[in-house]
Amino acid sequence: WPSTPSQQQMMMHLDIEVDDLTSAVERAVALGATEADFQPQDDVRVLY
């Protein structure tokens, strides 16, 4: 993601509501997630 030709495309993703975006991203990263390079919206954070 974003999709590229000839590679496994995203079939679905989870949307997780949080009450504090900055601290939620920090927690997710501390647990092992990584932030995507491409962020299509200012009020949403895409992670892996």
All heavy atoms as atom14 arrays in JSON, in Angstrom:
{
  "sequence": "WPSTPSQQQMMMHLDIEVDDLTSAVERAVALGATEADFQPQDDVRVLY",
  "atom14_mask": [
    [1, 1, 1, 1, 1, 1, 1, 1, 1, 1, 1, 1, 1, 1],
    [1, 1, 1, 1, 1, 1, 1, 0, 0, 0, 0, 0, 0, 0],
    [1, 1, 1, 1, 1, 1, 0, 0, 0, 0, 0, 0, 0, 0],
    [1, 1, 1, 1, 1, 1, 1, 0, 0, 0, 0, 0, 0, 0],
    [1, 1, 1, 1, 1, 1, 1, 0, 0, 0, 0, 0, 0, 0],
    [1, 1, 1, 1, 1, 1, 0, 0, 0, 0, 0, 0, 0, 0],
    [1, 1, 1, 1, 1, 1, 1, 1, 1, 0, 0, 0, 0, 0],
    [1, 1, 1, 1, 1, 1, 1, 1, 1, 0, 0, 0, 0, 0],
    [1, 1, 1, 1, 1, 1, 1, 1, 1, 0, 0, 0, 0, 0],
    [1, 1, 1, 1, 1, 1, 1, 1, 0, 0, 0, 0, 0, 0],
    [1, 1, 1, 1, 1, 1, 1, 1, 0, 0, 0, 0, 0, 0],
    [1, 1, 1, 1, 1, 1, 1, 1, 0, 0, 0, 0, 0, 0],
    [1, 1, 1, 1, 1, 1, 1, 1, 1, 1, 0, 0, 0, 0],
    [1, 1, 1, 1, 1, 1, 1, 1, 0, 0, 0, 0, 0, 0],
    [1, 1, 1, 1, 1, 1, 1, 1, 0, 0, 0, 0, 0, 0],
    [1, 1, 1, 1, 1, 1, 1, 1, 0, 0, 0, 0, 0, 0],
    [1, 1, 1, 1, 1, 1, 1, 1, 1, 0, 0, 0, 0, 0],
    [1, 1, 1, 1, 1, 1, 1, 0, 0, 0, 0, 0, 0, 0],
    [1, 1, 1, 1, 1, 1, 1, 1, 0, 0, 0, 0, 0, 0],
    [1, 1, 1, 1, 1, 1, 1, 1, 0, 0, 0, 0, 0, 0],
    [1, 1, 1, 1, 1, 1, 1, 1, 0, 0, 0, 0, 0, 0],
    [1, 1, 1, 1, 1, 1, 1, 0, 0, 0, 0, 0, 0, 0],
    [1, 1, 1, 1, 1, 1, 0, 0, 0, 0, 0, 0, 0, 0],
    [1, 1, 1, 1, 1, 0, 0, 0, 0, 0, 0, 0, 0, 0],
    [1, 1, 1, 1, 1, 1, 1, 0, 0, 0, 0, 0, 0, 0],
    [1, 1, 1, 1, 1, 1, 1, 1, 1, 0, 0, 0, 0, 0],
    [1, 1, 1, 1, 1, 1, 1, 1, 1, 1, 1, 0, 0, 0],
    [1, 1, 1, 1, 1, 0, 0, 0, 0, 0, 0, 0, 0, 0],
    [1, 1, 1, 1, 1, 1, 1, 0, 0, 0, 0, 0, 0, 0],
    [1, 1, 1, 1, 1, 0, 0, 0, 0, 0, 0, 0, 0, 0],
    [1, 1, 1, 1, 1, 1, 1, 1, 0, 0, 0, 0, 0, 0],
    [1, 1, 1, 1, 0, 0, 0, 0, 0, 0, 0, 0, 0, 0],
    [1, 1, 1, 1, 1, 0, 0, 0, 0, 0, 0, 0, 0, 0],
    [1, 1, 1, 1, 1, 1, 1, 0, 0, 0, 0, 0, 0, 0],
    [1, 1, 1, 1, 1, 1, 1, 1, 1, 0, 0, 0, 0, 0],
    [1, 1, 1, 1, 1, 0, 0, 0, 0, 0, 0, 0, 0, 0],
    [1, 1, 1, 1, 1, 1, 1, 1, 0, 0, 0, 0, 0, 0],
    [1, 1, 1, 1, 1, 1, 1, 1, 1, 1, 1, 0, 0, 0],
    [1, 1, 1, 1, 1, 1, 1, 1, 1, 0, 0, 0, 0, 0],
    [1, 1, 1, 1, 1, 1, 1, 0, 0, 0, 0, 0, 0, 0],
    [1, 1, 1, 1, 1, 1, 1, 1, 1, 0, 0, 0, 0, 0],
    [1, 1, 1, 1, 1, 1, 1, 1, 0, 0, 0, 0, 0, 0],
    [1, 1, 1, 1, 1, 1, 1, 1, 0, 0, 0, 0, 0, 0],
    [1, 1, 1, 1, 1, 1, 1, 0, 0, 0, 0, 0, 0, 0],
    [1, 1, 1, 1, 1, 1, 1, 1, 1, 1, 1, 0, 0, 0],
    [1, 1, 1, 1, 1, 1, 1, 0, 0, 0, 0, 0, 0, 0],
    [1, 1, 1, 1, 1, 1, 1, 1, 0, 0, 0, 0, 0, 0],
    [1, 1, 1, 1, 1, 1, 1, 1, 1, 1, 1, 1, 0, 0]
  ],
  "atom14_positions": [
    [[0.86, -1.18, 0.0], [0.0, 0.0, 0.0], [0.89, 1.23, 0.0], [1.84, 1.28, 0.81], [-0.93, 0.03, 1.22], [-1.86, 1.2, 1.13], [-3.07, 1.23, 0.49], [-1.64, 2.51, 1.64], [-3.59, 2.48, 0.58], [-2.74, 3.3, 1.29], [-0.6, 3.11, 2.35], [-2.84, 4.63, 1.62], [-0.71, 4.44, 2.69], [-1.83, 5.19, 2.32]],
    [[0.63, 2.17, -0.85], [-0.35, 2.13, -1.93], [-0.05, 0.99, -2.89], [1.08, 0.54, -3.0], [-0.21, 3.49, -2.61], [0.62, 4.34, -1.71], [1.36, 3.44, -0.8], [0.0, 0.0, 0.0], [0.0, 0.0, 0.0], [0.0, 0.0, 0.0], [0.0, 0.0, 0.0], [0.0, 0.0, 0.0], [0.0, 0.0, 0.0], [0.0, 0.0, 0.0]],
    [[-1.07, 0.55, -3.6], [-0.96, -0.58, -4.5], [0.05, -0.31, -5.62], [0.2, 0.82, -6.08], [-2.31, -0.89, -5.14], [-3.22, -1.28, -4.15], [0.0, 0.0, 0.0], [0.0, 0.0, 0.0], [0.0, 0.0, 0.0], [0.0, 0.0, 0.0], [0.0, 0.0, 0.0], [0.0, 0.0, 0.0], [0.0, 0.0, 0.0], [0.0, 0.0, 0.0]],
    [[0.74, -1.37, -6.01], [1.66, -1.3, -7.14], [1.39, -2.52, -8.01], [0.99, -3.58, -7.51], [3.13, -1.31, -6.68], [3.37, -2.48, -5.91], [3.47, -0.09, -5.85], [0.0, 0.0, 0.0], [0.0, 0.0, 0.0], [0.0, 0.0, 0.0], [0.0, 0.0, 0.0], [0.0, 0.0, 0.0], [0.0, 0.0, 0.0], [0.0, 0.0, 0.0]],
    [[1.62, -2.4, -9.32], [1.39, -3.54, -10.2], [2.29, -4.72, -9.84], [3.41, -4.53, -9.37], [1.75, -3.01, -11.59], [1.75, -1.53, -11.46], [2.07, -1.21, -10.03], [0.0, 0.0, 0.0], [0.0, 0.0, 0.0], [0.0, 0.0, 0.0], [0.0, 0.0, 0.0], [0.0, 0.0, 0.0], [0.0, 0.0, 0.0], [0.0, 0.0, 0.0]],
    [[1.79, -5.91, -10.02], [2.51, -7.18, -9.87], [2.96, -7.48, -8.43], [3.81, -8.33, -8.23], [3.71, -7.26, -10.82], [4.77, -6.44, -10.38], [0.0, 0.0, 0.0], [0.0, 0.0, 0.0], [0.0, 0.0, 0.0], [0.0, 0.0, 0.0], [0.0, 0.0, 0.0], [0.0, 0.0, 0.0], [0.0, 0.0, 0.0], [0.0, 0.0, 0.0]],
    [[2.4, -6.8, -7.46], [2.68, -7.13, -6.06], [1.34, -7.34, -5.34], [0.32, -6.85, -5.78], [3.49, -6.04, -5.38], [4.89, -5.94, -5.96], [5.78, -5.06, -5.12], [5.34, -4.26, -4.33], [7.07, -5.22, -5.31], [0.0, 0.0, 0.0], [0.0, 0.0, 0.0], [0.0, 0.0, 0.0], [0.0, 0.0, 0.0], [0.0, 0.0, 0.0]],
    [[1.39, -8.07, -4.23], [0.18, -8.35, -3.47], [-0.51, -7.04, -3.08], [0.07, -6.21, -2.41], [0.51, -9.14, -2.21], [-0.66, -9.4, -1.29], [-1.73, -10.25, -1.93], [-1.43, -11.24, -2.55], [-2.97, -9.86, -1.77], [0.0, 0.0, 0.0], [0.0, 0.0, 0.0], [0.0, 0.0, 0.0], [0.0, 0.0, 0.0], [0.0, 0.0, 0.0]],
    [[-1.74, -6.86, -3.53], [-2.48, -5.64, -3.21], [-3.22, -5.8, -1.89], [-3.6, -6.91, -1.51], [-3.47, -5.29, -4.31], [-2.79, -4.9, -5.6], [-3.79, -4.5, -6.68], [-4.98, -4.61, -6.5], [-3.28, -4.01, -7.78], [0.0, 0.0, 0.0], [0.0, 0.0, 0.0], [0.0, 0.0, 0.0], [0.0, 0.0, 0.0], [0.0, 0.0, 0.0]],
    [[-3.45, -4.69, -1.23], [-4.21, -4.69, 0.01], [-5.65, -5.09, -0.31], [-6.27, -4.54, -1.2], [-4.18, -3.29, 0.63], [-5.01, -3.16, 1.88], [-4.9, -1.51, 2.61], [-5.75, -0.53, 1.37], [0.0, 0.0, 0.0], [0.0, 0.0, 0.0], [0.0, 0.0, 0.0], [0.0, 0.0, 0.0], [0.0, 0.0, 0.0], [0.0, 0.0, 0.0]],
    [[-6.16, -6.07, 0.4], [-7.53, -6.53, 0.18], [-8.5, -5.85, 1.14], [-9.67, -5.72, 0.87], [-7.62, -8.04, 0.37], [-6.69, -8.83, -0.54], [-7.17, -8.73, -2.25], [-8.48, -9.89, -2.29], [0.0, 0.0, 0.0], [0.0, 0.0, 0.0], [0.0, 0.0, 0.0], [0.0, 0.0, 0.0], [0.0, 0.0, 0.0], [0.0, 0.0, 0.0]],
    [[-7.99, -5.47, 2.29], [-8.79, -4.79, 3.3], [-7.83, -4.19, 4.32], [-6.65, -4.49, 4.31], [-9.78, -5.75, 3.99], [-9.17, -7.01, 4.6], [-8.43, -6.9, 6.24], [-9.74, -6.37, 7.25], [0.0, 0.0, 0.0], [0.0, 0.0, 0.0], [0.0, 0.0, 0.0], [0.0, 0.0, 0.0], [0.0, 0.0, 0.0], [0.0, 0.0, 0.0]],
    [[-8.36, -3.32, 5.17], [-7.54, -2.79, 6.25], [-8.44, -2.49, 7.44], [-9.66, -2.4, 7.3], [-6.74, -1.55, 5.83], [-7.57, -0.34, 5.58], [-8.19, -0.1, 4.37], [-7.9, 0.7, 6.39], [-8.86, 1.04, 4.46], [-8.71, 1.55, 5.67], [0.0, 0.0, 0.0], [0.0, 0.0, 0.0], [0.0, 0.0, 0.0], [0.0, 0.0, 0.0]],
    [[-7.85, -2.34, 8.59], [-8.58, -2.03, 9.81], [-8.56, -0.52, 10.04], [-7.52, 0.11, 9.89], [-7.95, -2.74, 11.01], [-7.84, -4.25, 10.92], [-7.08, -4.8, 12.12], [-9.21, -4.89, 10.8], [0.0, 0.0, 0.0], [0.0, 0.0, 0.0], [0.0, 0.0, 0.0], [0.0, 0.0, 0.0], [0.0, 0.0, 0.0], [0.0, 0.0, 0.0]],
    [[-9.7, 0.05, 10.4], [-9.8, 1.44, 10.85], [-10.02, 1.4, 12.35], [-11.02, 0.84, 12.82], [-10.97, 2.17, 10.18], [-10.69, 2.51, 8.72], [-9.51, 2.59, 8.35], [-11.66, 2.7, 7.97], [0.0, 0.0, 0.0], [0.0, 0.0, 0.0], [0.0, 0.0, 0.0], [0.0, 0.0, 0.0], [0.0, 0.0, 0.0], [0.0, 0.0, 0.0]],
    [[-9.11, 1.99, 13.09], [-9.16, 1.94, 14.55], [-9.31, 3.36, 15.08], [-8.43, 4.2, 14.89], [-7.9, 1.27, 15.13], [-7.78, -0.17, 14.57], [-7.92, 1.28, 16.65], [-6.47, -0.85, 14.88], [0.0, 0.0, 0.0], [0.0, 0.0, 0.0], [0.0, 0.0, 0.0], [0.0, 0.0, 0.0], [0.0, 0.0, 0.0], [0.0, 0.0, 0.0]],
    [[-10.43, 3.61, 15.75], [-10.69, 4.93, 16.33], [-9.89, 5.08, 17.62], [-9.84, 4.16, 18.44], [-12.18, 5.09, 16.61], [-12.53, 6.45, 17.18], [-14.03, 6.61, 17.45], [-14.82, 5.76, 17.02], [-14.37, 7.61, 18.09], [0.0, 0.0, 0.0], [0.0, 0.0, 0.0], [0.0, 0.0, 0.0], [0.0, 0.0, 0.0], [0.0, 0.0, 0.0]],
    [[-9.27, 6.24, 17.78], [-8.5, 6.56, 18.99], [-8.94, 7.93, 19.51], [-9.58, 8.69, 18.8], [-6.97, 6.55, 18.71], [-6.52, 5.16, 18.26], [-6.59, 7.58, 17.67], [0.0, 0.0, 0.0], [0.0, 0.0, 0.0], [0.0, 0.0, 0.0], [0.0, 0.0, 0.0], [0.0, 0.0, 0.0], [0.0, 0.0, 0.0], [0.0, 0.0, 0.0]],
    [[-8.58, 8.24, 20.75], [-8.96, 9.55, 21.28], [-7.82, 10.56, 21.2], [-8.05, 11.75, 21.38], [-9.48, 9.42, 22.72], [-8.47, 8.82, 23.68], [-7.34, 8.48, 23.25], [-8.81, 8.67, 24.86], [0.0, 0.0, 0.0], [0.0, 0.0, 0.0], [0.0, 0.0, 0.0], [0.0, 0.0, 0.0], [0.0, 0.0, 0.0], [0.0, 0.0, 0.0]],
    [[-6.6, 10.11, 20.92], [-5.45, 11.01, 20.78], [-4.54, 10.4, 19.72], [-3.85, 9.4, 19.97], [-4.72, 11.14, 22.13], [-3.51, 12.05, 22.07], [-2.82, 12.09, 21.01], [-3.22, 12.7, 23.08], [0.0, 0.0, 0.0], [0.0, 0.0, 0.0], [0.0, 0.0, 0.0], [0.0, 0.0, 0.0], [0.0, 0.0, 0.0], [0.0, 0.0, 0.0]],
    [[-4.54, 10.99, 18.54], [-3.84, 10.42, 17.39], [-2.33, 10.34, 17.63], [-1.71, 9.31, 17.37], [-4.16, 11.21, 16.13], [-3.73, 10.61, 14.81], [-4.29, 9.21, 14.61], [-4.15, 11.52, 13.66], [0.0, 0.0, 0.0], [0.0, 0.0, 0.0], [0.0, 0.0, 0.0], [0.0, 0.0, 0.0], [0.0, 0.0, 0.0], [0.0, 0.0, 0.0]],
    [[-1.75, 11.39, 18.13], [-0.29, 11.42, 18.33], [0.16, 10.34, 19.3], [1.08, 9.56, 19.01], [0.16, 12.81, 18.81], [-0.22, 13.78, 17.83], [1.66, 12.86, 19.02], [0.0, 0.0, 0.0], [0.0, 0.0, 0.0], [0.0, 0.0, 0.0], [0.0, 0.0, 0.0], [0.0, 0.0, 0.0], [0.0, 0.0, 0.0], [0.0, 0.0, 0.0]],
    [[-0.49, 10.25, 20.46], [-0.06, 9.24, 21.43], [-0.42, 7.83, 20.98], [0.3, 6.88, 21.29], [-0.63, 9.54, 22.82], [-2.04, 9.47, 22.82], [0.0, 0.0, 0.0], [0.0, 0.0, 0.0], [0.0, 0.0, 0.0], [0.0, 0.0, 0.0], [0.0, 0.0, 0.0], [0.0, 0.0, 0.0], [0.0, 0.0, 0.0], [0.0, 0.0, 0.0]],
    [[-1.49, 7.67, 20.21], [-1.86, 6.35, 19.7], [-0.81, 5.87, 18.7], [-0.43, 4.69, 18.71], [-3.24, 6.39, 19.06], [0.0, 0.0, 0.0], [0.0, 0.0, 0.0], [0.0, 0.0, 0.0], [0.0, 0.0, 0.0], [0.0, 0.0, 0.0], [0.0, 0.0, 0.0], [0.0, 0.0, 0.0], [0.0, 0.0, 0.0], [0.0, 0.0, 0.0]],
    [[-0.34, 6.76, 17.83], [0.7, 6.38, 16.88], [1.97, 6.0, 17.64], [2.61, 4.98, 17.35], [0.98, 7.52, 15.87], [2.24, 7.23, 15.06], [-0.22, 7.72, 14.96], [0.0, 0.0, 0.0], [0.0, 0.0, 0.0], [0.0, 0.0, 0.0], [0.0, 0.0, 0.0], [0.0, 0.0, 0.0], [0.0, 0.0, 0.0], [0.0, 0.0, 0.0]],
    [[2.34, 6.79, 18.63], [3.54, 6.49, 19.43], [3.43, 5.11, 20.08], [4.39, 4.34, 20.08], [3.75, 7.56, 20.5], [4.19, 8.9, 19.95], [4.2, 10.0, 20.99], [3.85, 9.75, 22.17], [4.54, 11.15, 20.62], [0.0, 0.0, 0.0], [0.0, 0.0, 0.0], [0.0, 0.0, 0.0], [0.0, 0.0, 0.0], [0.0, 0.0, 0.0]],
    [[2.27, 4.8, 20.63], [2.05, 3.49, 21.28], [2.14, 2.37, 20.26], [2.8, 1.35, 20.5], [0.71, 3.45, 21.99], [0.33, 2.08, 22.51], [0.0, 2.08, 23.96], [-0.5, 0.79, 24.39], [0.26, -0.15, 24.93], [1.54, 0.08, 25.13], [-0.25, -1.3, 25.32], [0.0, 0.0, 0.0], [0.0, 0.0, 0.0], [0.0, 0.0, 0.0]],
    [[1.48, 2.53, 19.12], [1.51, 1.49, 18.09], [2.93, 1.22, 17.61], [3.34, 0.07, 17.45], [0.6, 1.88, 16.92], [0.0, 0.0, 0.0], [0.0, 0.0, 0.0], [0.0, 0.0, 0.0], [0.0, 0.0, 0.0], [0.0, 0.0, 0.0], [0.0, 0.0, 0.0], [0.0, 0.0, 0.0], [0.0, 0.0, 0.0], [0.0, 0.0, 0.0]],
    [[3.7, 2.29, 17.41], [5.09, 2.14, 16.97], [5.92, 1.45, 18.06], [6.73, 0.57, 17.77], [5.68, 3.51, 16.56], [7.19, 3.42, 16.36], [5.0, 4.01, 15.29], [0.0, 0.0, 0.0], [0.0, 0.0, 0.0], [0.0, 0.0, 0.0], [0.0, 0.0, 0.0], [0.0, 0.0, 0.0], [0.0, 0.0, 0.0], [0.0, 0.0, 0.0]],
    [[5.7, 1.81, 19.3], [6.43, 1.17, 20.4], [6.13, -0.33, 20.48], [6.98, -1.12, 20.9], [6.07, 1.85, 21.73], [0.0, 0.0, 0.0], [0.0, 0.0, 0.0], [0.0, 0.0, 0.0], [0.0, 0.0, 0.0], [0.0, 0.0, 0.0], [0.0, 0.0, 0.0], [0.0, 0.0, 0.0], [0.0, 0.0, 0.0], [0.0, 0.0, 0.0]],
    [[4.92, -0.72, 20.04], [4.53, -2.13, 20.07], [5.02, -2.91, 18.84], [4.89, -4.13, 18.79], [3.02, -2.26, 20.17], [2.4, -1.8, 21.49], [0.88, -1.77, 21.39], [2.85, -2.72, 22.63], [0.0, 0.0, 0.0], [0.0, 0.0, 0.0], [0.0, 0.0, 0.0], [0.0, 0.0, 0.0], [0.0, 0.0, 0.0], [0.0, 0.0, 0.0]],
    [[5.54, -2.2, 17.83], [6.08, -2.89, 16.66], [5.53, -2.45, 15.32], [5.93, -2.97, 14.28], [0.0, 0.0, 0.0], [0.0, 0.0, 0.0], [0.0, 0.0, 0.0], [0.0, 0.0, 0.0], [0.0, 0.0, 0.0], [0.0, 0.0, 0.0], [0.0, 0.0, 0.0], [0.0, 0.0, 0.0], [0.0, 0.0, 0.0], [0.0, 0.0, 0.0]],
    [[4.59, -1.51, 15.3], [4.06, -0.99, 14.03], [5.06, -0.02, 13.41], [5.96, 0.49, 14.1], [2.72, -0.29, 14.26], [0.0, 0.0, 0.0], [0.0, 0.0, 0.0], [0.0, 0.0, 0.0], [0.0, 0.0, 0.0], [0.0, 0.0, 0.0], [0.0, 0.0, 0.0], [0.0, 0.0, 0.0], [0.0, 0.0, 0.0], [0.0, 0.0, 0.0]],
    [[4.89, 0.24, 12.13], [5.68, 1.27, 11.46], [4.73, 2.19, 10.7], [3.7, 1.75, 10.2], [6.7, 0.68, 10.46], [6.02, -0.15, 9.53], [7.76, -0.13, 11.17], [0.0, 0.0, 0.0], [0.0, 0.0, 0.0], [0.0, 0.0, 0.0], [0.0, 0.0, 0.0], [0.0, 0.0, 0.0], [0.0, 0.0, 0.0], [0.0, 0.0, 0.0]],
    [[5.09, 3.47, 10.65], [4.26, 4.43, 9.91], [4.55, 4.3, 8.42], [5.69, 4.14, 8.01], [4.57, 5.86, 10.34], [3.91, 6.26, 11.63], [4.02, 7.75, 11.89], [3.27, 8.52, 11.26], [4.87, 8.12, 12.72], [0.0, 0.0, 0.0], [0.0, 0.0, 0.0], [0.0, 0.0, 0.0], [0.0, 0.0, 0.0], [0.0, 0.0, 0.0]],
    [[3.48, 4.38, 7.63], [3.64, 4.37, 6.18], [4.27, 5.68, 5.74], [4.03, 6.74, 6.34], [2.28, 4.2, 5.51], [0.0, 0.0, 0.0], [0.0, 0.0, 0.0], [0.0, 0.0, 0.0], [0.0, 0.0, 0.0], [0.0, 0.0, 0.0], [0.0, 0.0, 0.0], [0.0, 0.0, 0.0], [0.0, 0.0, 0.0], [0.0, 0.0, 0.0]],
    [[5.08, 5.63, 4.69], [5.67, 6.85, 4.15], [4.6, 7.78, 3.58], [4.66, 8.98, 3.76], [6.68, 6.52, 3.05], [7.93, 5.85, 3.59], [8.27, 6.06, 4.78], [8.57, 5.09, 2.84], [0.0, 0.0, 0.0], [0.0, 0.0, 0.0], [0.0, 0.0, 0.0], [0.0, 0.0, 0.0], [0.0, 0.0, 0.0], [0.0, 0.0, 0.0]],
    [[3.63, 7.19, 2.89], [2.56, 7.97, 2.28], [1.4, 8.11, 3.26], [0.87, 7.11, 3.75], [2.09, 7.29, 0.99], [0.93, 8.0, 0.32], [1.06, 9.29, -0.15], [-0.29, 7.36, 0.17], [0.0, 9.94, -0.77], [-1.36, 8.0, -0.45], [-1.21, 9.28, -0.91], [0.0, 0.0, 0.0], [0.0, 0.0, 0.0], [0.0, 0.0, 0.0]],
    [[1.02, 9.33, 3.56], [-0.11, 9.63, 4.45], [-1.1, 10.48, 3.67], [-0.85, 11.66, 3.42], [0.37, 10.37, 5.72], [1.31, 9.56, 6.59], [0.61, 8.38, 7.25], [-0.6, 8.38, 7.49], [1.38, 7.34, 7.54], [0.0, 0.0, 0.0], [0.0, 0.0, 0.0], [0.0, 0.0, 0.0], [0.0, 0.0, 0.0], [0.0, 0.0, 0.0]],
    [[-2.24, 9.91, 3.26], [-3.17, 10.63, 2.38], [-4.04, 11.67, 3.06], [-4.63, 12.5, 2.39], [-4.03, 9.51, 1.8], [-4.02, 8.46, 2.84], [-2.66, 8.53, 3.47], [0.0, 0.0, 0.0], [0.0, 0.0, 0.0], [0.0, 0.0, 0.0], [0.0, 0.0, 0.0], [0.0, 0.0, 0.0], [0.0, 0.0, 0.0], [0.0, 0.0, 0.0]],
    [[-4.12, 11.64, 4.39], [-4.97, 12.59, 5.11], [-4.24, 13.09, 6.35], [-3.49, 12.35, 6.98], [-6.27, 11.91, 5.56], [-7.12, 11.41, 4.4], [-8.18, 10.46, 4.89], [-7.93, 9.28, 5.08], [-9.38, 10.99, 5.11], [0.0, 0.0, 0.0], [0.0, 0.0, 0.0], [0.0, 0.0, 0.0], [0.0, 0.0, 0.0], [0.0, 0.0, 0.0]],
    [[-4.51, 14.34, 6.72], [-3.86, 14.91, 7.91], [-4.41, 14.35, 9.21], [-3.71, 14.33, 10.22], [-4.02, 16.44, 7.92], [-3.23, 17.1, 6.8], [-2.23, 16.5, 6.34], [-3.61, 18.21, 6.39], [0.0, 0.0, 0.0], [0.0, 0.0, 0.0], [0.0, 0.0, 0.0], [0.0, 0.0, 0.0], [0.0, 0.0, 0.0], [0.0, 0.0, 0.0]],
    [[-5.68, 13.92, 9.21], [-6.32, 13.49, 10.46], [-6.39, 11.97, 10.6], [-7.09, 11.45, 11.47], [-7.71, 14.1, 10.58], [-8.62, 13.74, 9.41], [-8.12, 13.23, 8.38], [-9.84, 13.95, 9.52], [0.0, 0.0, 0.0], [0.0, 0.0, 0.0], [0.0, 0.0, 0.0], [0.0, 0.0, 0.0], [0.0, 0.0, 0.0], [0.0, 0.0, 0.0]],
    [[-5.66, 11.26, 9.76], [-5.59, 9.8, 9.8], [-4.13, 9.4, 9.67], [-3.39, 10.02, 8.92], [-6.41, 9.16, 8.65], [-6.24, 7.65, 8.63], [-7.87, 9.54, 8.75], [0.0, 0.0, 0.0], [0.0, 0.0, 0.0], [0.0, 0.0, 0.0], [0.0, 0.0, 0.0], [0.0, 0.0, 0.0], [0.0, 0.0, 0.0], [0.0, 0.0, 0.0]],
    [[-3.72, 8.39, 10.39], [-2.35, 7.89, 10.27], [-2.42, 6.46, 9.78], [-3.1, 5.61, 10.39], [-1.61, 7.92, 11.61], [-1.24, 9.32, 12.03], [0.0, 9.73, 11.37], [0.33, 10.88, 10.67], [-0.22, 11.54, 9.66], [-1.32, 11.23, 9.15], [0.33, 12.56, 9.1], [0.0, 0.0, 0.0], [0.0, 0.0, 0.0], [0.0, 0.0, 0.0]],
    [[-1.74, 6.18, 8.68], [-1.65, 4.83, 8.14], [-0.38, 4.2, 8.7], [0.7, 4.8, 8.64], [-1.59, 4.83, 6.6], [-1.49, 3.41, 6.07], [-2.8, 5.56, 6.02], [0.0, 0.0, 0.0], [0.0, 0.0, 0.0], [0.0, 0.0, 0.0], [0.0, 0.0, 0.0], [0.0, 0.0, 0.0], [0.0, 0.0, 0.0], [0.0, 0.0, 0.0]],
    [[-0.54, 3.02, 9.26], [0.59, 2.26, 9.82], [0.55, 0.85, 9.26], [-0.46, 0.42, 8.69], [0.52, 2.22, 11.35], [0.69, 3.56, 12.05], [-0.66, 4.12, 12.43], [1.56, 3.41, 13.26], [0.0, 0.0, 0.0], [0.0, 0.0, 0.0], [0.0, 0.0, 0.0], [0.0, 0.0, 0.0], [0.0, 0.0, 0.0], [0.0, 0.0, 0.0]],
    [[1.65, 0.12, 9.47], [1.72, -1.3, 9.14], [1.95, -2.07, 10.43], [2.79, -1.67, 11.25], [2.89, -1.59, 8.19], [2.82, -0.83, 6.89], [3.68, 0.24, 6.65], [1.89, -1.16, 5.91], [3.63, 0.94, 5.45], [1.83, -0.46, 4.71], [2.71, 0.59, 4.49], [2.65, 1.29, 3.31], [0.0, 0.0, 0.0], [0.0, 0.0, 0.0]]
  ]
}
